[in-house]
Amino acid sequence: MAIGLRSEDYGTHSLRRTKASMIYRATGNIRAIQILLGHSKIENTVR
């Protein structure tokens, strides 16, 4: 499904990180982001 972004500039991983960053900025809840991304260690989420 196309959303109007150049595929050369944006991959699925970068978009996944962008959404997580947006949610973190809005909520400040790092634990929620950890669960969203499926990280087993909070250190991986923080990085």
N, C-alpha and C. Protein backbone atom coordinates (compact mmCIF):
# COMPACT_ATOMS: atom_id res chain seq x y z
N MET A 1 0.84 -1.18 0.00
CA MET A 1 0.00 0.00 0.00
C MET A 1 0.89 1.24 0.00
N ALA A 2 0.68 2.13 -0.90
CA ALA A 2 1.48 3.34 -1.01
C ALA A 2 0.88 4.46 -0.16
N ILE A 3 1.75 5.20 0.51
CA ILE A 3 1.29 6.32 1.34
C ILE A 3 1.92 7.64 0.91
N GLY A 4 2.58 7.63 -0.23
CA GLY A 4 3.14 8.87 -0.76
C GLY A 4 4.57 9.17 -0.33
N LEU A 5 5.28 8.21 0.26
CA LEU A 5 6.67 8.40 0.64
C LEU A 5 7.56 7.63 -0.31
N ARG A 6 8.73 8.18 -0.60
CA ARG A 6 9.67 7.48 -1.48
C ARG A 6 10.26 6.29 -0.74
N SER A 7 10.15 5.12 -1.32
CA SER A 7 10.64 3.91 -0.66
C SER A 7 12.16 3.94 -0.49
N GLU A 8 12.86 4.73 -1.28
CA GLU A 8 14.31 4.86 -1.14
C GLU A 8 14.69 5.59 0.14
N ASP A 9 13.79 6.42 0.64
CA ASP A 9 14.06 7.24 1.82
C ASP A 9 13.55 6.63 3.12
N TYR A 10 12.55 5.77 3.03
CA TYR A 10 11.91 5.25 4.24
C TYR A 10 11.73 3.75 4.13
N GLY A 11 12.25 3.03 5.12
CA GLY A 11 12.04 1.59 5.20
C GLY A 11 11.09 1.28 6.33
N THR A 12 10.68 0.03 6.42
CA THR A 12 9.74 -0.34 7.47
C THR A 12 10.33 -0.14 8.86
N HIS A 13 11.63 -0.37 9.02
CA HIS A 13 12.24 -0.20 10.34
C HIS A 13 12.27 1.27 10.76
N SER A 14 12.61 2.16 9.85
CA SER A 14 12.66 3.58 10.21
C SER A 14 11.26 4.10 10.55
N LEU A 15 10.24 3.62 9.85
CA LEU A 15 8.88 4.06 10.17
C LEU A 15 8.44 3.50 11.52
N ARG A 16 8.86 2.30 11.84
CA ARG A 16 8.54 1.69 13.13
C ARG A 16 9.15 2.52 14.25
N ARG A 17 10.39 2.95 14.07
CA ARG A 17 11.07 3.77 15.08
C ARG A 17 10.42 5.15 15.19
N THR A 18 10.00 5.71 14.07
CA THR A 18 9.37 7.02 14.07
C THR A 18 8.08 7.01 14.87
N LYS A 19 7.25 6.00 14.67
CA LYS A 19 5.99 5.90 15.41
C LYS A 19 6.26 5.78 16.90
N ALA A 20 7.24 4.96 17.26
CA ALA A 20 7.60 4.81 18.67
C ALA A 20 8.06 6.14 19.26
N SER A 21 8.84 6.87 18.52
CA SER A 21 9.32 8.18 18.99
C SER A 21 8.17 9.16 19.19
N MET A 22 7.22 9.14 18.28
CA MET A 22 6.06 10.03 18.39
C MET A 22 5.23 9.70 19.63
N ILE A 23 5.03 8.42 19.88
CA ILE A 23 4.26 8.00 21.06
C ILE A 23 5.01 8.37 22.33
N TYR A 24 6.33 8.15 22.34
CA TYR A 24 7.11 8.49 23.54
C TYR A 24 7.06 9.99 23.82
N ARG A 25 7.18 10.81 22.79
CA ARG A 25 7.11 12.27 22.98
C ARG A 25 5.76 12.68 23.56
N ALA A 26 4.70 12.01 23.10
CA ALA A 26 3.36 12.37 23.55
C ALA A 26 3.05 11.87 24.96
N THR A 27 3.61 10.72 25.35
CA THR A 27 3.25 10.12 26.63
C THR A 27 4.37 10.09 27.66
N GLY A 28 5.62 10.02 27.20
CA GLY A 28 6.75 9.89 28.10
C GLY A 28 6.84 8.52 28.74
N ASN A 29 6.10 7.55 28.21
CA ASN A 29 6.02 6.22 28.82
C ASN A 29 6.94 5.25 28.08
N ILE A 30 8.15 5.08 28.57
CA ILE A 30 9.13 4.21 27.91
C ILE A 30 8.73 2.74 28.00
N ARG A 31 8.04 2.37 29.08
CA ARG A 31 7.58 0.98 29.24
C ARG A 31 6.57 0.62 28.15
N ALA A 32 5.68 1.52 27.83
CA ALA A 32 4.70 1.27 26.76
C ALA A 32 5.40 1.08 25.42
N ILE A 33 6.44 1.84 25.18
CA ILE A 33 7.20 1.72 23.94
C ILE A 33 7.93 0.38 23.91
N GLN A 34 8.46 -0.04 25.04
CA GLN A 34 9.14 -1.33 25.12
C GLN A 34 8.18 -2.45 24.71
N ILE A 35 6.98 -2.42 25.22
CA ILE A 35 5.98 -3.44 24.89
C ILE A 35 5.60 -3.34 23.42
N LEU A 36 5.36 -2.13 22.93
CA LEU A 36 4.99 -1.92 21.53
C LEU A 36 6.03 -2.50 20.58
N LEU A 37 7.31 -2.28 20.90
CA LEU A 37 8.37 -2.74 20.01
C LEU A 37 8.76 -4.20 20.26
N GLY A 38 8.27 -4.78 21.34
CA GLY A 38 8.57 -6.18 21.62
C GLY A 38 9.97 -6.41 22.16
N HIS A 39 10.54 -5.39 22.82
CA HIS A 39 11.87 -5.52 23.38
C HIS A 39 11.81 -6.24 24.73
N SER A 40 12.73 -7.16 24.94
CA SER A 40 12.76 -7.87 26.23
C SER A 40 13.50 -7.06 27.29
N LYS A 41 14.40 -6.18 26.87
CA LYS A 41 15.18 -5.37 27.82
C LYS A 41 14.88 -3.89 27.59
N ILE A 42 14.66 -3.18 28.68
CA ILE A 42 14.38 -1.74 28.59
C ILE A 42 15.57 -0.98 28.01
N GLU A 43 16.78 -1.50 28.21
CA GLU A 43 17.99 -0.86 27.68
C GLU A 43 17.95 -0.77 26.14
N ASN A 44 17.40 -1.80 25.52
CA ASN A 44 17.28 -1.78 24.05
C ASN A 44 16.31 -0.71 23.59
N THR A 45 15.26 -0.52 24.34
CA THR A 45 14.26 0.50 24.00
C THR A 45 14.85 1.89 24.16
N VAL A 46 15.54 2.11 25.26
CA VAL A 46 16.14 3.42 25.52
C VAL A 46 17.13 3.80 24.43
N ARG A 47 17.91 2.83 24.00
CA ARG A 47 18.91 3.08 22.96
C ARG A 47 18.22 3.50 21.70
